[in-house]
Amino acid sequence: HGDHPVMLDAPVSGGVNGAEAGTLTFM
């Protein structure tokens, strides 16, 4: 569950930091 959302949010957010924040928002 951790890798899938991160990989999808990473490119959308534009960074690893955004990916982490996007994961919390996505959930």
PDB file of N, CA and C in Angstrom:
ATOM      1  N   HIS A   1       0.838  -1.201   0.000  1.00  0.00           N
ATOM      2  CA  HIS A   1       0.000   0.000   0.000  1.00  0.00           C
ATOM      3  C   HIS A   1       0.874   1.252   0.000  1.00  0.00           C
ATOM      4  N   GLY A   2       2.065   1.140   0.578  1.00  0.00           N
ATOM      5  CA  GLY A   2       2.942   2.314   0.682  1.00  0.00           C
ATOM      6  C   GLY A   2       3.546   2.695  -0.660  1.00  0.00           C
ATOM      7  N   ASP A   3       4.018   1.697  -1.421  1.00  0.00           N
ATOM      8  CA  ASP A   3       4.698   2.005  -2.680  1.00  0.00           C
ATOM      9  C   ASP A   3       3.728   2.468  -3.765  1.00  0.00           C
ATOM     10  N   HIS A   4       2.576   1.824  -3.876  1.00  0.00           N
ATOM     11  CA  HIS A   4       1.639   2.163  -4.952  1.00  0.00           C
ATOM     12  C   HIS A   4       1.178   3.617  -4.892  1.00  0.00           C
ATOM     13  N   PRO A   5       0.642   4.095  -3.762  1.00  0.00           N
ATOM     14  CA  PRO A   5       0.173   5.488  -3.681  1.00  0.00           C
ATOM     15  C   PRO A   5       1.316   6.473  -3.843  1.00  0.00           C
ATOM     16  N   VAL A   6       2.482   6.141  -3.292  1.00  0.00           N
ATOM     17  CA  VAL A   6       3.632   7.050  -3.373  1.00  0.00           C
ATOM     18  C   VAL A   6       4.054   7.241  -4.823  1.00  0.00           C
ATOM     19  N   MET A   7       4.133   6.152  -5.579  1.00  0.00           N
ATOM     20  CA  MET A   7       4.554   6.242  -6.976  1.00  0.00           C
ATOM     21  C   MET A   7       3.548   7.050  -7.792  1.00  0.00           C
ATOM     22  N   LEU A   8       2.269   6.939  -7.458  1.00  0.00           N
ATOM     23  CA  LEU A   8       1.244   7.672  -8.207  1.00  0.00           C
ATOM     24  C   LEU A   8       1.253   9.146  -7.819  1.00  0.00           C
ATOM     25  N   ASP A   9       1.476   9.425  -6.520  1.00  0.00           N
ATOM     26  CA  ASP A   9       1.453  10.810  -6.053  1.00  0.00           C
ATOM     27  C   ASP A   9       2.768  11.532  -6.339  1.00  0.00           C
ATOM     28  N   ALA A  10       3.894  10.793  -6.373  1.00  0.00           N
ATOM     29  CA  ALA A  10       5.207  11.410  -6.574  1.00  0.00           C
ATOM     30  C   ALA A  10       5.236  12.269  -7.840  1.00  0.00           C
ATOM     31  N   PRO A  11       4.891  11.690  -9.008  1.00  0.00           N
ATOM     32  CA  PRO A  11       4.924  12.480 -10.248  1.00  0.00           C
ATOM     33  C   PRO A  11       3.895  13.609 -10.248  1.00  0.00           C
ATOM     34  N   VAL A  12       2.762  13.378  -9.616  1.00  0.00           N
ATOM     35  CA  VAL A  12       1.701  14.390  -9.590  1.00  0.00           C
ATOM     36  C   VAL A  12       2.115  15.565  -8.715  1.00  0.00           C
ATOM     37  N   SER A  13       2.649  15.245  -7.517  1.00  0.00           N
ATOM     38  CA  SER A  13       3.060  16.296  -6.599  1.00  0.00           C
ATOM     39  C   SER A  13       4.348  16.943  -7.101  1.00  0.00           C
ATOM     40  N   GLY A  14       5.231  16.126  -7.672  1.00  0.00           N
ATOM     41  CA  GLY A  14       6.479  16.663  -8.214  1.00  0.00           C
ATOM     42  C   GLY A  14       7.646  16.451  -7.274  1.00  0.00           C
ATOM     43  N   GLY A  15       7.513  15.568  -6.294  1.00  0.00           N
ATOM     44  CA  GLY A  15       8.637  15.336  -5.381  1.00  0.00           C
ATOM     45  C   GLY A  15       8.295  14.308  -4.326  1.00  0.00           C
ATOM     46  N   VAL A  16       9.329  13.809  -3.637  1.00  0.00           N
ATOM     47  CA  VAL A  16       9.103  12.796  -2.600  1.00  0.00           C
ATOM     48  C   VAL A  16       8.311  13.407  -1.451  1.00  0.00           C
ATOM     49  N   ASN A  17       8.629  14.651  -1.094  1.00  0.00           N
ATOM     50  CA  ASN A  17       7.905  15.315  -0.002  1.00  0.00           C
ATOM     51  C   ASN A  17       6.428  15.418  -0.356  1.00  0.00           C
ATOM     52  N   GLY A  18       6.151  15.794  -1.570  1.00  0.00           N
ATOM     53  CA  GLY A  18       4.761  15.906  -2.022  1.00  0.00           C
ATOM     54  C   GLY A  18       4.097  14.546  -2.036  1.00  0.00           C
ATOM     55  N   ALA A  19       4.876  13.512  -2.362  1.00  0.00           N
ATOM     56  CA  ALA A  19       4.325  12.150  -2.411  1.00  0.00           C
ATOM     57  C   ALA A  19       3.836  11.744  -1.028  1.00  0.00           C
ATOM     58  N   GLU A  20       4.642  12.038  -0.003  1.00  0.00           N
ATOM     59  CA  GLU A  20       4.241  11.680   1.361  1.00  0.00           C
ATOM     60  C   GLU A  20       2.967  12.427   1.746  1.00  0.00           C
ATOM     61  N   ALA A  21       2.914  13.716   1.436  1.00  0.00           N
ATOM     62  CA  ALA A  21       1.731  14.512   1.760  1.00  0.00           C
ATOM     63  C   ALA A  21       0.542  14.029   0.940  1.00  0.00           C
ATOM     64  N   GLY A  22       0.791  13.681  -0.314  1.00  0.00           N
ATOM     65  CA  GLY A  22      -0.282  13.202  -1.189  1.00  0.00           C
ATOM     66  C   GLY A  22      -0.839  11.885  -0.697  1.00  0.00           C
ATOM     67  N   THR A  23       0.048  11.052  -0.124  1.00  0.00           N
ATOM     68  CA  THR A  23      -0.409   9.752   0.381  1.00  0.00           C
ATOM     69  C   THR A  23      -1.399   9.964   1.513  1.00  0.00           C
ATOM     70  N   LEU A  24      -1.096  10.913   2.402  1.00  0.00           N
ATOM     71  CA  LEU A  24      -1.991  11.169   3.529  1.00  0.00           C
ATOM     72  C   LEU A  24      -3.312  11.727   3.009  1.00  0.00           C
ATOM     73  N   THR A  25      -3.239  12.609   2.017  1.00  0.00           N
ATOM     74  CA  THR A  25      -4.447  13.206   1.456  1.00  0.00           C
ATOM     75  C   THR A  25      -5.248  12.169   0.687  1.00  0.00           C
ATOM     76  N   PHE A  26      -4.524  11.274  -0.026  1.00  0.00           N
ATOM     77  CA  PHE A  26      -5.195  10.244  -0.826  1.00  0.00           C
ATOM     78  C   PHE A  26      -5.973   9.297   0.075  1.00  0.00           C
ATOM     79  N   MET A  27      -5.381   8.915   1.210  1.00  0.00           N
ATOM     80  CA  MET A  27      -6.040   7.999   2.136  1.00  0.00           C
ATOM     81  C   MET A  27      -7.207   8.720   2.795  1.00  0.00           C
TER      82      MET A  27
END
